[in-house]
Amino acid sequence: MNAISIKDLVKTYPNTEALKGVSLEIKKGEFFALLGPNGAGKTTLIQIMTGLCNKTSGEVSLFGKDVYQDYVEARQLIGLVPQDFNFDIFEKVHNILYYNAGYFWIPAKERPVRIEKILKDLGLWEKRNATARELSGGMKRKLMIARALIHNPKILILDEPTAGVDVETRKIMWDYLKKLNQDGTTILLTTHYLEEAENLCNRIAIINKGKIIKLDTTKNLLKTHENKKLEEIFLHLTKNDN
């Protein structure tokens, strides 16, 4: 079974067609990149998948659960790391995770065990009693990932997760996400750091103006374009699509 199945997805706003019949299948256990320039439709696609935005037409399912008809079951399958920090900066790190675990009906006695493990895995355990405002930018990004994973989702969606993060922290996050994927979590990544997609992802889809213009394995994509860097391929494809 595919982890994510999208068929003929359309999203229309007044005077704008954000998604133009997007179809996409992401296999269970894949590390998949969705790349595109600003305004290409990446965030709209993610918002529809996570129930934050209504589709105009088409179908979206997660492990066979329709994101509209089976909303509760589908939402439990996803952990979302959005672009912007959206937690209470005056709340303690531990409490942010504790309360979020409650949204997914995780028993109170089980939450401390999960919180300790995930904070230690991400190098945030020593900051568990600090408020979010006291964290560095990189630590805040890690906290976003920790919150998304507290209910052990089968699918992790990362919308530019390392934006503004220093090189060393980015490398640590890459290693953690690789291990998470190796342990079975399906990961969908959007990023403007094309080196990130090149190093992490099995397959890459490039979206531009609301439609998928290229979909291939990372290896084939680089090979068929004479082993150019992904950034060069991306610029070439999106320029020719204009």
Foldseek 3Di string as FASTA:
>chain_A
DFQKWWFQWWADDVVATQAGGATDTHHFLFAEEEEEDPSLNPVVVVCCQQVNDPTPDTFMDGPRHTCPVRVLVSNLQEQEQAPDQDDDQQDFLLVLLQVLVVVNVDDNVCQVVLLCVLCVLLVNNVRRGPGNVPDDPLVSLSSSVSSSCSSPHLEYEYEASCVPHDPVSVVSVLVSVQVVSVVTRYYYYYHPPQVSCLPRGQKYWYGGSNYTQDIDGSVVQCVVVVNDRPVVSNVVRRVVVD
